[in-house]
N, C-alpha and C. Protein backbone atom coordinates (compact mmCIF):
# COMPACT_ATOMS: atom_id res chain seq x y z
N UNK A 1 95.94 27.61 199.84
CA UNK A 1 96.52 27.52 201.16
C UNK A 1 98.00 27.93 201.09
N UNK A 2 98.38 28.81 201.98
CA UNK A 2 99.75 29.28 202.05
C UNK A 2 100.61 28.26 202.79
N UNK A 3 101.74 27.91 202.21
CA UNK A 3 102.63 26.96 202.85
C UNK A 3 103.98 27.58 203.13
N UNK A 4 104.53 27.17 204.24
CA UNK A 4 105.88 27.57 204.58
C UNK A 4 106.82 26.90 203.57
N UNK A 5 107.83 27.61 203.08
CA UNK A 5 108.77 27.00 202.15
C UNK A 5 109.58 25.90 202.82
N UNK A 6 110.15 25.05 202.02
CA UNK A 6 110.99 23.98 202.54
C UNK A 6 112.36 24.57 202.91
N UNK A 7 112.74 24.47 204.18
CA UNK A 7 114.04 25.01 204.60
C UNK A 7 115.20 24.28 203.95
N UNK A 8 116.24 25.04 203.61
CA UNK A 8 117.48 24.45 203.13
C UNK A 8 118.17 23.77 204.32
N UNK A 9 118.74 22.60 204.14
CA UNK A 9 119.41 21.93 205.27
C UNK A 9 120.71 22.65 205.63
N UNK A 10 120.91 22.96 206.91
CA UNK A 10 122.17 23.60 207.31
C UNK A 10 123.31 22.60 207.31
N UNK A 11 124.48 23.09 206.94
CA UNK A 11 125.69 22.28 207.00
C UNK A 11 126.41 22.53 208.31
N UNK A 12 127.57 21.96 208.48
CA UNK A 12 128.34 22.17 209.71
C UNK A 12 128.62 23.66 209.94
N UNK A 13 128.37 24.13 211.14
CA UNK A 13 128.62 25.53 211.50
C UNK A 13 127.60 26.51 210.95
N UNK A 14 126.52 26.02 210.34
CA UNK A 14 125.49 26.91 209.79
C UNK A 14 124.23 26.89 210.65
N UNK A 15 123.44 27.95 210.50
CA UNK A 15 122.14 28.07 211.15
C UNK A 15 121.08 28.19 210.07
N UNK A 16 119.93 27.61 210.31
CA UNK A 16 118.78 27.80 209.42
C UNK A 16 117.92 28.92 209.99
N UNK A 17 117.55 29.86 209.13
CA UNK A 17 116.67 30.94 209.58
C UNK A 17 115.30 30.40 209.96
N UNK A 18 115.02 29.18 209.58
CA UNK A 18 113.73 28.56 209.92
C UNK A 18 113.73 27.97 211.32
N UNK A 19 114.92 27.97 211.96
CA UNK A 19 115.01 27.58 213.36
C UNK A 19 114.96 28.79 214.29
N UNK A 20 115.01 30.00 213.73
CA UNK A 20 114.90 31.20 214.54
C UNK A 20 113.45 31.37 215.00
N UNK A 21 113.24 32.01 216.15
CA UNK A 21 111.89 32.12 216.70
C UNK A 21 111.09 33.31 216.16
N UNK A 22 109.81 33.27 216.43
CA UNK A 22 108.91 34.41 216.23
C UNK A 22 107.97 34.41 217.41
N UNK A 23 107.97 35.45 218.24
CA UNK A 23 108.70 36.70 218.09
C UNK A 23 110.21 36.50 218.12
N UNK A 24 110.93 37.49 217.57
CA UNK A 24 112.37 37.35 217.43
C UNK A 24 113.12 37.26 218.75
N UNK A 25 114.33 36.71 218.66
CA UNK A 25 115.23 36.62 219.80
C UNK A 25 116.34 37.66 219.65
N UNK A 26 116.89 38.06 220.77
CA UNK A 26 118.00 39.02 220.80
C UNK A 26 119.17 38.32 221.47
N UNK A 27 120.33 38.35 220.80
CA UNK A 27 121.51 37.75 221.42
C UNK A 27 122.75 38.59 221.17
N UNK A 28 123.64 38.58 222.13
CA UNK A 28 124.91 39.29 222.03
C UNK A 28 125.82 38.51 221.07
N UNK A 29 126.63 39.22 220.31
CA UNK A 29 127.57 38.60 219.39
C UNK A 29 128.96 39.17 219.63
N UNK A 30 129.95 38.29 219.67
CA UNK A 30 131.34 38.72 219.77
C UNK A 30 132.03 38.68 218.41
N UNK A 31 131.25 38.41 217.35
CA UNK A 31 131.81 38.44 216.00
C UNK A 31 132.32 39.85 215.72
N UNK A 32 133.32 39.94 214.84
CA UNK A 32 133.86 41.26 214.48
C UNK A 32 132.99 41.83 213.36
N UNK A 33 132.26 42.87 213.66
CA UNK A 33 131.33 43.51 212.73
C UNK A 33 131.92 44.85 212.30
N UNK A 34 132.02 45.03 210.97
CA UNK A 34 132.59 46.25 210.41
C UNK A 34 131.66 46.75 209.30
N UNK A 35 131.46 48.07 209.26
CA UNK A 35 130.68 48.70 208.19
C UNK A 35 131.57 49.75 207.54
N UNK A 36 131.61 49.72 206.20
CA UNK A 36 132.44 50.66 205.45
C UNK A 36 131.58 51.48 204.49
N UNK A 37 131.94 52.75 204.36
CA UNK A 37 131.26 53.63 203.41
C UNK A 37 132.25 54.67 202.93
N UNK A 38 132.21 54.96 201.64
CA UNK A 38 133.08 55.97 201.03
C UNK A 38 134.55 55.70 201.34
N UNK A 39 134.90 54.41 201.37
CA UNK A 39 136.28 54.03 201.59
C UNK A 39 136.77 54.10 203.02
N UNK A 40 135.87 54.33 203.97
CA UNK A 40 136.27 54.44 205.37
C UNK A 40 135.42 53.53 206.24
N UNK A 41 136.00 53.13 207.36
CA UNK A 41 135.25 52.36 208.36
C UNK A 41 134.37 53.34 209.13
N UNK A 42 133.07 53.05 209.16
CA UNK A 42 132.14 53.93 209.89
C UNK A 42 131.56 53.25 211.13
N UNK A 43 131.75 51.94 211.24
CA UNK A 43 131.34 51.21 212.44
C UNK A 43 132.25 50.00 212.59
N UNK A 44 132.62 49.70 213.84
CA UNK A 44 133.54 48.59 214.10
C UNK A 44 133.31 48.14 215.54
N UNK A 45 132.91 46.88 215.70
CA UNK A 45 132.62 46.39 217.06
C UNK A 45 132.82 44.89 217.18
N UNK A 46 133.01 44.46 218.39
CA UNK A 46 132.96 43.05 218.78
C UNK A 46 131.90 42.88 219.87
N UNK A 47 130.96 43.81 219.91
CA UNK A 47 129.91 43.79 220.93
C UNK A 47 128.54 44.07 220.30
N UNK A 48 128.31 43.51 219.12
CA UNK A 48 127.04 43.73 218.43
C UNK A 48 125.92 42.91 219.08
N UNK A 49 124.72 43.26 218.71
CA UNK A 49 123.53 42.47 219.04
C UNK A 49 123.01 41.87 217.75
N UNK A 50 122.59 40.61 217.80
CA UNK A 50 121.93 39.98 216.66
C UNK A 50 120.46 39.81 216.99
N UNK A 51 119.61 40.19 216.04
CA UNK A 51 118.18 39.90 216.15
C UNK A 51 117.90 38.75 215.19
N UNK A 52 117.29 37.70 215.73
CA UNK A 52 117.04 36.47 214.98
C UNK A 52 115.54 36.24 214.91
N UNK A 53 115.01 36.23 213.68
CA UNK A 53 113.57 36.06 213.47
C UNK A 53 113.32 35.06 212.36
N UNK A 54 112.33 34.22 212.56
CA UNK A 54 111.98 33.20 211.58
C UNK A 54 111.96 33.77 210.17
N UNK A 55 112.62 33.10 209.26
CA UNK A 55 112.69 33.37 207.82
C UNK A 55 113.60 34.55 207.44
N UNK A 56 114.19 35.20 208.42
CA UNK A 56 115.07 36.35 208.15
C UNK A 56 116.51 36.04 208.53
N UNK A 57 117.47 36.41 207.70
CA UNK A 57 118.86 36.36 208.16
C UNK A 57 119.01 37.31 209.35
N UNK A 58 120.05 37.17 210.15
CA UNK A 58 120.22 38.06 211.30
C UNK A 58 120.38 39.52 210.89
N UNK A 59 119.95 40.40 211.77
CA UNK A 59 120.31 41.81 211.67
C UNK A 59 121.31 42.08 212.79
N UNK A 60 122.34 42.84 212.48
CA UNK A 60 123.38 43.17 213.45
C UNK A 60 123.25 44.63 213.86
N UNK A 61 123.12 44.86 215.15
CA UNK A 61 123.02 46.21 215.70
C UNK A 61 124.34 46.54 216.39
N UNK A 62 124.94 47.67 216.00
CA UNK A 62 126.24 48.10 216.51
C UNK A 62 126.00 49.14 217.61
N UNK A 63 126.61 48.97 218.78
CA UNK A 63 126.46 49.99 219.83
C UNK A 63 126.85 51.37 219.30
N UNK A 64 126.10 52.38 219.68
CA UNK A 64 126.33 53.74 219.19
C UNK A 64 127.77 54.20 219.43
N UNK A 65 128.38 53.78 220.53
CA UNK A 65 129.77 54.18 220.82
C UNK A 65 130.76 53.62 219.81
N UNK A 66 130.36 52.59 219.05
CA UNK A 66 131.24 51.97 218.05
C UNK A 66 130.90 52.40 216.63
N UNK A 67 130.09 53.45 216.52
CA UNK A 67 129.68 54.01 215.22
C UNK A 67 130.16 55.46 215.15
N UNK A 68 130.61 55.87 214.00
CA UNK A 68 130.97 57.28 213.81
C UNK A 68 129.66 58.06 213.64
N UNK A 69 129.01 58.29 214.76
CA UNK A 69 127.67 58.86 214.79
C UNK A 69 127.58 60.25 214.15
N UNK A 70 128.68 60.98 214.11
CA UNK A 70 128.68 62.31 213.48
C UNK A 70 128.39 62.21 211.98
N UNK A 71 128.55 61.02 211.39
CA UNK A 71 128.28 60.83 209.96
C UNK A 71 126.82 60.50 209.68
N UNK A 72 126.01 60.35 210.73
CA UNK A 72 124.59 60.01 210.56
C UNK A 72 123.76 61.28 210.57
N UNK A 73 123.02 61.49 209.49
CA UNK A 73 122.14 62.66 209.37
C UNK A 73 120.71 62.15 209.47
N UNK A 74 120.04 62.46 210.58
CA UNK A 74 118.69 61.93 210.79
C UNK A 74 117.73 62.26 209.66
N UNK A 75 116.88 61.30 209.37
CA UNK A 75 115.84 61.41 208.35
C UNK A 75 114.50 61.53 209.06
N UNK A 76 113.50 62.13 208.44
CA UNK A 76 112.18 62.18 209.07
C UNK A 76 111.45 60.82 209.05
N UNK A 77 111.98 59.85 208.33
CA UNK A 77 111.31 58.56 208.21
C UNK A 77 111.23 57.84 209.55
N UNK A 78 110.07 57.26 209.82
CA UNK A 78 109.84 56.42 210.99
C UNK A 78 109.02 55.22 210.54
N UNK A 79 109.30 54.07 211.13
CA UNK A 79 108.48 52.89 210.91
C UNK A 79 108.23 52.26 212.27
N UNK A 80 107.27 51.34 212.31
CA UNK A 80 106.95 50.67 213.56
C UNK A 80 107.13 49.17 213.38
N UNK A 81 107.89 48.58 214.27
CA UNK A 81 108.04 47.12 214.33
C UNK A 81 107.16 46.63 215.47
N UNK A 82 106.37 45.64 215.19
CA UNK A 82 105.46 45.14 216.22
C UNK A 82 106.20 44.59 217.43
N UNK A 83 107.46 44.23 217.28
CA UNK A 83 108.23 43.66 218.38
C UNK A 83 109.18 44.65 219.04
N UNK A 84 109.80 45.52 218.24
CA UNK A 84 110.85 46.39 218.76
C UNK A 84 110.41 47.83 219.02
N UNK A 85 109.36 48.29 218.35
CA UNK A 85 108.89 49.66 218.58
C UNK A 85 109.10 50.55 217.37
N UNK A 86 109.30 51.86 217.62
CA UNK A 86 109.42 52.87 216.57
C UNK A 86 110.89 53.01 216.16
N UNK A 87 111.14 52.84 214.86
CA UNK A 87 112.49 52.95 214.33
C UNK A 87 112.71 54.34 213.72
N UNK A 88 113.89 54.90 213.96
CA UNK A 88 114.33 56.15 213.35
C UNK A 88 115.39 55.81 212.31
N UNK A 89 115.47 56.62 211.26
CA UNK A 89 116.39 56.35 210.15
C UNK A 89 117.34 57.53 209.97
N UNK A 90 118.45 57.25 209.29
CA UNK A 90 119.42 58.30 208.99
C UNK A 90 120.12 58.00 207.67
N UNK A 91 120.57 59.07 207.03
CA UNK A 91 121.47 58.97 205.90
C UNK A 91 122.88 58.88 206.49
N UNK A 92 123.78 58.25 205.75
CA UNK A 92 125.19 58.27 206.11
C UNK A 92 125.85 59.23 205.13
N UNK A 93 126.54 60.24 205.67
CA UNK A 93 127.16 61.26 204.83
C UNK A 93 128.63 61.38 205.20
N UNK A 94 129.47 61.22 204.18
CA UNK A 94 130.91 61.35 204.36
C UNK A 94 131.43 62.14 203.17
N UNK A 95 131.90 63.36 203.44
CA UNK A 95 132.33 64.24 202.35
C UNK A 95 131.14 64.54 201.46
N UNK A 96 131.32 64.32 200.14
CA UNK A 96 130.22 64.59 199.21
C UNK A 96 129.42 63.33 198.87
N UNK A 97 129.66 62.26 199.63
CA UNK A 97 128.92 61.01 199.37
C UNK A 97 127.83 60.82 200.43
N UNK A 98 126.68 60.38 199.96
CA UNK A 98 125.52 60.18 200.84
C UNK A 98 124.87 58.85 200.51
N UNK A 99 124.57 58.08 201.55
CA UNK A 99 123.79 56.85 201.43
C UNK A 99 122.46 57.12 202.12
N UNK A 100 121.42 57.29 201.31
CA UNK A 100 120.12 57.67 201.83
C UNK A 100 119.52 56.55 202.68
N UNK A 101 119.04 56.93 203.85
CA UNK A 101 118.37 56.02 204.78
C UNK A 101 119.11 54.68 204.87
N UNK A 102 120.39 54.77 205.13
CA UNK A 102 121.26 53.59 205.15
C UNK A 102 121.27 52.86 206.48
N UNK A 103 120.65 53.46 207.51
CA UNK A 103 120.67 52.82 208.82
C UNK A 103 119.43 53.20 209.62
N UNK A 104 119.21 52.44 210.69
CA UNK A 104 118.08 52.72 211.58
C UNK A 104 118.43 52.28 213.00
N UNK A 105 117.62 52.74 213.96
CA UNK A 105 117.79 52.38 215.36
C UNK A 105 116.48 52.62 216.09
N UNK A 106 116.44 52.14 217.31
CA UNK A 106 115.28 52.31 218.19
C UNK A 106 115.74 53.09 219.41
N UNK A 107 115.28 54.34 219.54
CA UNK A 107 115.66 55.16 220.70
C UNK A 107 115.02 54.60 221.98
N UNK A 108 113.76 54.20 221.88
CA UNK A 108 113.04 53.67 223.03
C UNK A 108 112.36 52.37 222.63
N UNK A 109 113.15 51.31 222.50
CA UNK A 109 112.56 50.04 222.09
C UNK A 109 111.64 49.47 223.17
N UNK A 110 110.87 48.48 222.78
CA UNK A 110 110.00 47.81 223.73
C UNK A 110 110.86 47.16 224.82
N UNK A 111 110.28 46.86 225.99
CA UNK A 111 111.08 46.29 227.08
C UNK A 111 111.88 45.04 226.70
N UNK A 112 111.32 44.18 225.88
CA UNK A 112 112.01 42.95 225.48
C UNK A 112 113.31 43.25 224.71
N UNK A 113 113.37 44.41 224.02
CA UNK A 113 114.52 44.77 223.20
C UNK A 113 115.23 46.02 223.72
N UNK A 114 115.08 46.32 225.00
CA UNK A 114 115.66 47.55 225.54
C UNK A 114 117.18 47.62 225.38
N UNK A 115 117.85 46.48 225.28
CA UNK A 115 119.30 46.48 225.09
C UNK A 115 119.71 47.13 223.77
N UNK A 116 118.78 47.22 222.81
CA UNK A 116 119.08 47.83 221.51
C UNK A 116 118.99 49.35 221.51
N UNK A 117 118.59 49.97 222.60
CA UNK A 117 118.38 51.42 222.63
C UNK A 117 119.59 52.16 222.06
N UNK A 118 119.37 52.84 220.94
CA UNK A 118 120.40 53.65 220.31
C UNK A 118 121.37 52.89 219.43
N UNK A 119 121.41 51.55 219.51
CA UNK A 119 122.32 50.77 218.66
C UNK A 119 121.87 50.90 217.21
N UNK A 120 122.81 50.91 216.29
CA UNK A 120 122.54 51.21 214.88
C UNK A 120 122.69 49.96 214.03
N UNK A 121 121.71 49.76 213.14
CA UNK A 121 121.77 48.67 212.17
C UNK A 121 121.85 49.29 210.77
N UNK A 122 122.76 48.77 209.96
CA UNK A 122 122.97 49.29 208.61
C UNK A 122 122.40 48.34 207.57
N UNK A 123 121.84 48.90 206.51
CA UNK A 123 121.42 48.11 205.35
C UNK A 123 122.66 47.74 204.56
N UNK A 124 122.98 46.46 204.43
CA UNK A 124 124.19 46.09 203.68
C UNK A 124 124.19 46.57 202.23
N UNK A 125 123.03 46.70 201.62
CA UNK A 125 122.96 47.13 200.23
C UNK A 125 123.05 48.63 200.03
N UNK A 126 123.13 49.40 201.12
CA UNK A 126 123.15 50.87 200.99
C UNK A 126 124.48 51.49 201.40
N UNK A 127 125.38 50.68 201.92
CA UNK A 127 126.74 51.13 202.24
C UNK A 127 127.70 50.33 201.36
N UNK A 128 128.98 50.65 201.41
CA UNK A 128 129.93 49.95 200.54
C UNK A 128 130.06 48.48 200.91
N UNK A 129 130.31 48.22 202.20
CA UNK A 129 130.47 46.83 202.65
C UNK A 129 130.12 46.71 204.12
N UNK A 130 129.53 45.57 204.45
CA UNK A 130 129.39 45.13 205.83
C UNK A 130 130.12 43.81 205.92
N UNK A 131 130.84 43.61 207.00
CA UNK A 131 131.61 42.38 207.19
C UNK A 131 131.31 41.78 208.56
N UNK A 132 131.29 40.46 208.61
CA UNK A 132 131.19 39.72 209.87
C UNK A 132 132.37 38.76 209.89
N UNK A 133 133.24 38.96 210.86
CA UNK A 133 134.47 38.16 210.96
C UNK A 133 135.21 38.08 209.63
N UNK A 134 135.27 39.21 208.93
CA UNK A 134 136.01 39.31 207.67
C UNK A 134 135.24 38.88 206.43
N UNK A 135 134.08 38.26 206.60
CA UNK A 135 133.27 37.84 205.45
C UNK A 135 132.36 38.98 205.00
N UNK A 136 132.39 39.27 203.70
CA UNK A 136 131.51 40.31 203.16
C UNK A 136 130.08 39.80 203.17
N UNK A 137 129.20 40.61 203.71
CA UNK A 137 127.79 40.28 203.86
C UNK A 137 127.05 40.54 202.55
N UNK A 138 126.09 39.68 202.23
CA UNK A 138 125.16 39.94 201.12
C UNK A 138 123.89 40.54 201.69
N UNK A 139 123.29 41.45 200.94
CA UNK A 139 122.04 42.08 201.37
C UNK A 139 120.86 41.16 201.13
N UNK A 140 119.90 41.23 202.02
CA UNK A 140 118.64 40.52 201.85
C UNK A 140 117.89 41.15 200.68
N UNK A 141 117.21 40.33 199.88
CA UNK A 141 116.45 40.86 198.74
C UNK A 141 115.35 41.79 199.22
N UNK A 142 114.93 42.67 198.32
CA UNK A 142 113.87 43.63 198.63
C UNK A 142 114.47 44.90 199.21
N UNK A 143 113.62 45.89 199.44
CA UNK A 143 114.14 47.16 199.93
C UNK A 143 113.64 47.53 201.32
N UNK A 144 113.01 46.58 202.01
CA UNK A 144 112.51 46.90 203.35
C UNK A 144 113.37 46.30 204.45
N UNK A 145 113.67 45.02 204.35
CA UNK A 145 114.43 44.34 205.39
C UNK A 145 115.91 44.62 205.24
N UNK A 146 116.61 44.68 206.34
CA UNK A 146 118.04 44.98 206.31
C UNK A 146 118.90 43.88 206.88
N UNK A 147 118.50 42.66 206.69
CA UNK A 147 119.24 41.54 207.27
C UNK A 147 120.57 41.31 206.56
N UNK A 148 121.46 40.60 207.25
CA UNK A 148 122.82 40.36 206.80
C UNK A 148 122.98 38.89 206.47
N UNK A 149 123.26 38.55 205.22
CA UNK A 149 123.43 37.17 204.81
C UNK A 149 124.92 36.84 204.74
N UNK A 150 125.31 35.82 205.49
CA UNK A 150 126.67 35.29 205.43
C UNK A 150 126.58 33.80 205.09
N UNK A 151 127.72 33.18 204.91
CA UNK A 151 127.75 31.74 204.61
C UNK A 151 127.29 30.91 205.81
N UNK A 152 127.12 31.55 206.95
CA UNK A 152 126.73 30.83 208.16
C UNK A 152 125.23 30.64 208.31
N UNK A 153 124.44 31.25 207.40
CA UNK A 153 122.98 31.09 207.49
C UNK A 153 122.43 30.55 206.18
N UNK A 154 121.41 29.71 206.30
CA UNK A 154 120.73 29.16 205.13
C UNK A 154 119.26 29.51 205.20
N UNK A 155 118.60 29.56 204.05
CA UNK A 155 117.21 29.99 203.93
C UNK A 155 116.28 28.87 203.55
N UNK A 156 115.37 29.21 202.68
CA UNK A 156 115.23 30.45 201.92
C UNK A 156 114.88 31.63 202.83
N UNK A 157 115.17 32.85 202.31
CA UNK A 157 115.02 34.06 203.09
C UNK A 157 113.82 34.88 202.62
N UNK A 158 113.13 35.46 203.58
CA UNK A 158 112.04 36.37 203.27
C UNK A 158 112.63 37.64 202.64
N UNK A 159 111.85 38.31 201.80
CA UNK A 159 112.28 39.57 201.21
C UNK A 159 112.13 39.58 199.71
N UNK A 160 112.33 38.44 199.07
CA UNK A 160 112.20 38.37 197.61
C UNK A 160 110.72 38.46 197.22
N UNK A 161 110.42 38.82 195.96
CA UNK A 161 109.04 38.86 195.53
C UNK A 161 108.34 37.52 195.82
N UNK A 162 107.11 37.61 196.31
CA UNK A 162 106.32 36.42 196.61
C UNK A 162 106.52 35.87 198.01
N UNK A 163 107.35 36.52 198.83
CA UNK A 163 107.61 35.99 200.18
C UNK A 163 106.92 36.78 201.28
N UNK A 164 106.13 37.78 200.94
CA UNK A 164 105.57 38.67 201.95
C UNK A 164 104.65 37.98 202.94
N UNK A 165 104.09 36.83 202.64
CA UNK A 165 103.15 36.18 203.54
C UNK A 165 103.77 35.03 204.31
N UNK A 166 105.07 34.86 204.25
CA UNK A 166 105.70 33.79 205.03
C UNK A 166 105.59 34.08 206.49
């Protein structure tokens, strides 16, 4: 019998990913979100969207107007999220440096997530740094999920080996 893991208790000012809903929730964030690659800021916003889903740290989507979109080179890769729709991917290229499939977005998300149309989410482990209110983000384990781990969220988190059925 498969059992849900025991959630870590949240401390003051923390959220447990086990309190996030499924299907996921979408919420606006005024946190300062910055993405850096090749020594430069490639995204900077105080108007991100957070997607919150059970067992996953938040993913932060940056409005396209707050991303240096000219640095995104579209990839042929596509995936389907049962909640958000078809995702498109891109490499981030700056000078002679390239981060393969470092970000994704939904051009035509499902109605529930239509606010995300064109907003870009970056994999923290594929760019130099992602920051939320000045805190450097840790990447979620595994190579599929692109969630952002900060000191404000507690797990355990999906993504590590053996967690695929949570």
